[in-house]
Each structure stands twice: as C-alpha cells, then as structure tokens.
Amino acid sequence: MRNIDTNEEAMDLIVLKELIEYLNNPTETQKEQFAKYEEYDE
C-alpha cells in the first residue's frame, strides 16, 4: 500500500482471498498475481 500524497510505501497487505487461492492452487495463482501486480513490483 502506498501513501496517496507522497507515493511512498506505507505498509504491506495480505489479501486473504488471494492467499486462500494461492494455498489451493499455487502455480496458477502465481501466474495471475504476476500479471496483476507486476507493475508494482520493485
């Protein structure tokens, strides 16, 4: 999560829905996560 004013990283988040999806199907979920969040990856 980023600060809307400074664009600095404010905190990490764990999205429970995505965690459960990952635990049930890690390979496919990793592909989806990469496609969804790759622009935010530092």
PDB file of N, CA and C in Angstrom:
ATOM      1  N   MET A   1       0.857  -1.159   0.000  1.00  0.00           N
ATOM      2  CA  MET A   1       0.000   0.000   0.000  1.00  0.00           C
ATOM      3  C   MET A   1       0.906   1.226   0.000  1.00  0.00           C
ATOM      4  N   ARG A   2       0.538   2.226  -0.774  1.00  0.00           N
ATOM      5  CA  ARG A   2       1.332   3.448  -0.886  1.00  0.00           C
ATOM      6  C   ARG A   2       0.563   4.648  -0.352  1.00  0.00           C
ATOM      7  N   ASN A   3       1.304   5.611   0.165  1.00  0.00           N
ATOM      8  CA  ASN A   3       0.730   6.869   0.632  1.00  0.00           C
ATOM      9  C   ASN A   3       0.279   7.661  -0.586  1.00  0.00           C
ATOM     10  N   ILE A   4      -0.962   8.090  -0.609  1.00  0.00           N
ATOM     11  CA  ILE A   4      -1.514   8.787  -1.771  1.00  0.00           C
ATOM     12  C   ILE A   4      -0.844  10.142  -2.017  1.00  0.00           C
ATOM     13  N   ASP A   5      -0.324  10.769  -0.978  1.00  0.00           N
ATOM     14  CA  ASP A   5       0.304  12.081  -1.123  1.00  0.00           C
ATOM     15  C   ASP A   5       1.770  11.999  -1.545  1.00  0.00           C
ATOM     16  N   THR A   6       2.509  11.065  -0.971  1.00  0.00           N
ATOM     17  CA  THR A   6       3.949  11.002  -1.220  1.00  0.00           C
ATOM     18  C   THR A   6       4.363   9.852  -2.137  1.00  0.00           C
ATOM     19  N   ASN A   7       3.462   8.931  -2.397  1.00  0.00           N
ATOM     20  CA  ASN A   7       3.721   7.727  -3.181  1.00  0.00           C
ATOM     21  C   ASN A   7       4.771   6.821  -2.533  1.00  0.00           C
ATOM     22  N   GLU A   8       5.059   7.037  -1.256  1.00  0.00           N
ATOM     23  CA  GLU A   8       5.968   6.165  -0.532  1.00  0.00           C
ATOM     24  C   GLU A   8       5.214   4.935  -0.045  1.00  0.00           C
ATOM     25  N   GLU A   9       5.943   3.824   0.054  1.00  0.00           N
ATOM     26  CA  GLU A   9       5.317   2.612   0.564  1.00  0.00           C
ATOM     27  C   GLU A   9       4.938   2.823   2.025  1.00  0.00           C
ATOM     28  N   ALA A  10       3.672   2.578   2.342  1.00  0.00           N
ATOM     29  CA  ALA A  10       3.177   2.785   3.701  1.00  0.00           C
ATOM     30  C   ALA A  10       3.122   1.479   4.485  1.00  0.00           C
ATOM     31  N   MET A  11       2.707   0.385   3.826  1.00  0.00           N
ATOM     32  CA  MET A  11       2.608  -0.907   4.500  1.00  0.00           C
ATOM     33  C   MET A  11       2.379  -2.005   3.479  1.00  0.00           C
ATOM     34  N   ASP A  12       2.654  -3.227   3.894  1.00  0.00           N
ATOM     35  CA  ASP A  12       2.344  -4.395   3.080  1.00  0.00           C
ATOM     36  C   ASP A  12       0.952  -4.886   3.447  1.00  0.00           C
ATOM     37  N   LEU A  13       0.278  -5.480   2.480  1.00  0.00           N
ATOM     38  CA  LEU A  13      -1.061  -6.016   2.712  1.00  0.00           C
ATOM     39  C   LEU A  13      -1.091  -7.498   2.381  1.00  0.00           C
ATOM     40  N   ILE A  14      -1.909  -8.224   3.098  1.00  0.00           N
ATOM     41  CA  ILE A  14      -2.199  -9.608   2.758  1.00  0.00           C
ATOM     42  C   ILE A  14      -3.689  -9.668   2.427  1.00  0.00           C
ATOM     43  N   VAL A  15      -3.978  -9.990   1.178  1.00  0.00           N
ATOM     44  CA  VAL A  15      -5.363 -10.106   0.736  1.00  0.00           C
ATOM     45  C   VAL A  15      -5.770 -11.553   0.973  1.00  0.00           C
ATOM     46  N   LEU A  16      -6.648 -11.759   1.938  1.00  0.00           N
ATOM     47  CA  LEU A  16      -6.996 -13.121   2.349  1.00  0.00           C
ATOM     48  C   LEU A  16      -7.551 -13.958   1.208  1.00  0.00           C
ATOM     49  N   LYS A  17      -8.363 -13.376   0.367  1.00  0.00           N
ATOM     50  CA  LYS A  17      -8.929 -14.106  -0.775  1.00  0.00           C
ATOM     51  C   LYS A  17      -7.809 -14.644  -1.666  1.00  0.00           C
ATOM     52  N   GLU A  18      -6.801 -13.807  -1.922  1.00  0.00           N
ATOM     53  CA  GLU A  18      -5.700 -14.222  -2.772  1.00  0.00           C
ATOM     54  C   GLU A  18      -4.797 -15.240  -2.074  1.00  0.00           C
ATOM     55  N   LEU A  19      -4.648 -15.128  -0.767  1.00  0.00           N
ATOM     56  CA  LEU A  19      -3.873 -16.109  -0.018  1.00  0.00           C
ATOM     57  C   LEU A  19      -4.541 -17.483  -0.096  1.00  0.00           C
ATOM     58  N   ILE A  20      -5.837 -17.523   0.079  1.00  0.00           N
ATOM     59  CA  ILE A  20      -6.572 -18.796   0.003  1.00  0.00           C
ATOM     60  C   ILE A  20      -6.471 -19.386  -1.396  1.00  0.00           C
ATOM     61  N   GLU A  21      -6.600 -18.539  -2.418  1.00  0.00           N
ATOM     62  CA  GLU A  21      -6.455 -19.018  -3.796  1.00  0.00           C
ATOM     63  C   GLU A  21      -5.059 -19.605  -4.010  1.00  0.00           C
ATOM     64  N   TYR A  22      -4.050 -18.926  -3.480  1.00  0.00           N
ATOM     65  CA  TYR A  22      -2.675 -19.415  -3.618  1.00  0.00           C
ATOM     66  C   TYR A  22      -2.494 -20.762  -2.922  1.00  0.00           C
ATOM     67  N   LEU A  23      -3.028 -20.903  -1.729  1.00  0.00           N
ATOM     68  CA  LEU A  23      -2.890 -22.157  -0.998  1.00  0.00           C
ATOM     69  C   LEU A  23      -3.581 -23.312  -1.719  1.00  0.00           C
ATOM     70  N   ASN A  24      -4.666 -23.014  -2.430  1.00  0.00           N
ATOM     71  CA  ASN A  24      -5.400 -24.053  -3.153  1.00  0.00           C
ATOM     72  C   ASN A  24      -4.795 -24.379  -4.516  1.00  0.00           C
ATOM     73  N   ASN A  25      -4.140 -23.398  -5.151  1.00  0.00           N
ATOM     74  CA  ASN A  25      -3.610 -23.606  -6.496  1.00  0.00           C
ATOM     75  C   ASN A  25      -2.415 -22.671  -6.716  1.00  0.00           C
ATOM     76  N   PRO A  26      -1.254 -22.992  -6.132  1.00  0.00           N
ATOM     77  CA  PRO A  26      -0.126 -22.065  -6.160  1.00  0.00           C
ATOM     78  C   PRO A  26       0.403 -21.735  -7.562  1.00  0.00           C
ATOM     79  N   THR A  27       0.492 -22.709  -8.434  1.00  0.00           N
ATOM     80  CA  THR A  27       1.074 -22.452  -9.755  1.00  0.00           C
ATOM     81  C   THR A  27       0.249 -21.456 -10.556  1.00  0.00           C
ATOM     82  N   GLU A  28      -1.036 -21.706 -10.655  1.00  0.00           N
ATOM     83  CA  GLU A  28      -1.907 -20.809 -11.427  1.00  0.00           C
ATOM     84  C   GLU A  28      -2.020 -19.440 -10.766  1.00  0.00           C
ATOM     85  N   THR A  29      -2.104 -19.427  -9.454  1.00  0.00           N
ATOM     86  CA  THR A  29      -2.248 -18.170  -8.732  1.00  0.00           C
ATOM     87  C   THR A  29      -0.999 -17.309  -8.888  1.00  0.00           C
ATOM     88  N   GLN A  30       0.178 -17.919  -8.917  1.00  0.00           N
ATOM     89  CA  GLN A  30       1.404 -17.155  -9.124  1.00  0.00           C
ATOM     90  C   GLN A  30       1.374 -16.446 -10.470  1.00  0.00           C
ATOM     91  N   LYS A  31       0.912 -17.130 -11.499  1.00  0.00           N
ATOM     92  CA  LYS A  31       0.808 -16.513 -12.828  1.00  0.00           C
ATOM     93  C   LYS A  31      -0.155 -15.328 -12.791  1.00  0.00           C
ATOM     94  N   GLU A  32      -1.300 -15.512 -12.150  1.00  0.00           N
ATOM     95  CA  GLU A  32      -2.294 -14.434 -12.061  1.00  0.00           C
ATOM     96  C   GLU A  32      -1.762 -13.255 -11.254  1.00  0.00           C
ATOM     97  N   GLN A  33      -1.070 -13.548 -10.152  1.00  0.00           N
ATOM     98  CA  GLN A  33      -0.504 -12.493  -9.316  1.00  0.00           C
ATOM     99  C   GLN A  33       0.537 -11.688 -10.090  1.00  0.00           C
ATOM    100  N   PHE A  34       1.382 -12.374 -10.819  1.00  0.00           N
ATOM    101  CA  PHE A  34       2.404 -11.679 -11.588  1.00  0.00           C
ATOM    102  C   PHE A  34       1.759 -10.753 -12.620  1.00  0.00           C
ATOM    103  N   ALA A  35       0.756 -11.255 -13.319  1.00  0.00           N
ATOM    104  CA  ALA A  35       0.081 -10.435 -14.323  1.00  0.00           C
ATOM    105  C   ALA A  35      -0.631  -9.239 -13.683  1.00  0.00           C
ATOM    106  N   LYS A  36      -1.194  -9.454 -12.512  1.00  0.00           N
ATOM    107  CA  LYS A  36      -1.965  -8.408 -11.848  1.00  0.00           C
ATOM    108  C   LYS A  36      -1.085  -7.336 -11.200  1.00  0.00           C
ATOM    109  N   TYR A  37       0.025  -7.763 -10.599  1.00  0.00           N
ATOM    110  CA  TYR A  37       0.816  -6.852  -9.767  1.00  0.00           C
ATOM    111  C   TYR A  37       2.208  -6.531 -10.307  1.00  0.00           C
ATOM    112  N   GLU A  38       2.579  -7.011 -11.474  1.00  0.00           N
ATOM    113  CA  GLU A  38       3.951  -6.830 -11.923  1.00  0.00           C
ATOM    114  C   GLU A  38       4.345  -5.364 -12.044  1.00  0.00           C
ATOM    115  N   GLU A  39       3.420  -4.474 -12.358  1.00  0.00           N
ATOM    116  CA  GLU A  39       3.762  -3.059 -12.485  1.00  0.00           C
ATOM    117  C   GLU A  39       4.149  -2.445 -11.136  1.00  0.00           C
ATOM    118  N   TYR A  40       3.728  -3.087 -10.025  1.00  0.00           N
ATOM    119  CA  TYR A  40       4.029  -2.578  -8.699  1.00  0.00           C
ATOM    120  C   TYR A  40       5.280  -3.212  -8.103  1.00  0.00           C
ATOM    121  N   ASP A  41       5.809  -4.226  -8.788  1.00  0.00           N
ATOM    122  CA  ASP A  41       6.962  -4.943  -8.274  1.00  0.00           C
ATOM    123  C   ASP A  41       8.191  -4.055  -8.357  1.00  0.00           C
ATOM    124  N   GLU A  42       8.927  -3.970  -7.238  1.00  0.00           N
ATOM    125  CA  GLU A  42      10.127  -3.125  -7.231  1.00  0.00           C
ATOM    126  C   GLU A  42      11.370  -3.963  -7.266  1.00  0.00           C
TER     127      GLU A  42
END
